[in-house]
Every structure is written in structure tokens, then in C-alpha cells.
């Protein structure tokens, strides 16, 4: 898992990935967990904001706009 976590975080960090070399395996696993949780939270918040925005539109447009947004 540690190698997988390190490679996933390295991919997410892009050009700053070299900074991972300063972290222990335990620190990388902890960072991976925190980033996964943050991404999950961000995804839920974005979905809630999208739903709220769609509720502000006339019902006749919601389906079309939802398909455009989710595409």
C-alpha cells in the first residue's frame, strides 16, 4: 500500500512530487488518506452546489442543463 500511496500522491502533486522524498512511508500514507478524504468532501460539496444551482432554474431546463454539466 505504501508504494501505491506514494505513487498516487506523486501523480496528484505533479511537479512538486519531489517533496515526497522528505516524508517517511507513514507520513505518505497519512497524507494520502487526508487527500482522499479532502477530495471526497470536495466532490460532495460540488455535487450539493450543482444540485442547488439546478433548483434555481426553471424545471423545463433542468434536465438539459444537468446533462451538459455532468458531461
Protein backbone atom coordinates (compact mmCIF):
# COMPACT_ATOMS: atom_id res chain seq x y z
CA UNK A 1 0.00 0.00 0.00
CA UNK A 2 2.79 2.41 0.85
CA UNK A 3 4.27 2.27 -2.65
CA UNK A 4 0.82 2.67 -4.19
CA UNK A 5 0.04 5.63 -1.91
CA UNK A 6 3.36 7.26 -2.74
CA UNK A 7 2.77 6.90 -6.50
CA UNK A 8 -0.80 8.20 -6.28
CA UNK A 9 0.24 11.24 -4.26
CA UNK A 10 3.20 11.78 -6.59
CA UNK A 11 0.76 11.90 -9.52
CA UNK A 12 -1.50 14.36 -7.72
CA UNK A 13 1.39 16.67 -6.80
CA UNK A 14 2.79 16.90 -10.31
CA UNK A 15 5.95 19.00 -10.44
CA UNK A 16 6.06 19.21 -6.62
CA UNK A 17 6.23 15.41 -6.29
CA UNK A 18 9.91 15.53 -5.35
CA UNK A 19 8.82 16.92 -1.97
CA UNK A 20 7.55 13.43 -1.07
CA UNK A 21 11.12 12.21 -0.79
CA UNK A 22 11.39 14.05 2.53
CA UNK A 23 8.45 12.13 4.03
CA UNK A 24 8.50 8.75 5.72
CA UNK A 25 6.28 5.96 4.44
CA UNK A 26 3.90 6.51 7.38
CA UNK A 27 3.70 10.22 6.58
CA UNK A 28 2.92 9.48 2.92
CA UNK A 29 0.14 7.06 3.91
CA UNK A 30 -1.30 9.70 6.26
CA UNK A 31 -1.07 12.37 3.55
CA UNK A 32 -2.73 10.03 1.05
CA UNK A 33 -5.61 9.42 3.48
CA UNK A 34 -6.05 13.14 4.10
CA UNK A 35 -6.02 13.94 0.38
CA UNK A 36 -8.53 11.17 -0.41
CA UNK A 37 -10.84 12.45 2.35
CA UNK A 38 -10.49 16.03 1.11
CA UNK A 39 -11.25 15.03 -2.48
CA UNK A 40 -14.29 13.06 -1.33
CA UNK A 41 -15.53 16.03 0.72
CA UNK A 42 -14.91 18.40 -2.19
CA UNK A 43 -16.83 16.12 -4.54
CA UNK A 44 -19.83 16.03 -2.20
CA UNK A 45 -19.74 19.82 -1.79
CA UNK A 46 -19.57 20.32 -5.56
CA UNK A 47 -22.49 17.94 -6.12
CA UNK A 48 -24.56 19.77 -3.49
CA UNK A 49 -23.75 23.15 -5.05
CA UNK A 50 -24.66 21.85 -8.50
CA UNK A 51 -27.98 20.50 -7.23
CA UNK A 52 -28.75 23.81 -5.52
CA UNK A 53 -27.92 25.75 -8.69
CA UNK A 54 -30.15 23.48 -10.76
CA UNK A 55 -33.04 24.04 -8.35
CA UNK A 56 -32.84 27.75 -9.18
CA UNK A 57 -33.55 27.06 -12.87
CA UNK A 58 -36.94 26.57 -14.45
CA UNK A 59 -37.91 22.89 -14.30
CA UNK A 60 -38.13 22.63 -18.08
CA UNK A 61 -34.39 23.40 -18.39
CA UNK A 62 -33.02 21.31 -15.51
CA UNK A 63 -32.66 18.00 -17.36
CA UNK A 64 -30.84 19.55 -20.29
CA UNK A 65 -28.56 21.66 -18.12
CA UNK A 66 -27.82 18.67 -15.83
CA UNK A 67 -26.75 16.58 -18.84
CA UNK A 68 -24.49 19.41 -20.03
CA UNK A 69 -22.94 19.91 -16.59
CA UNK A 70 -22.40 16.19 -15.96
CA UNK A 71 -20.94 15.57 -19.39
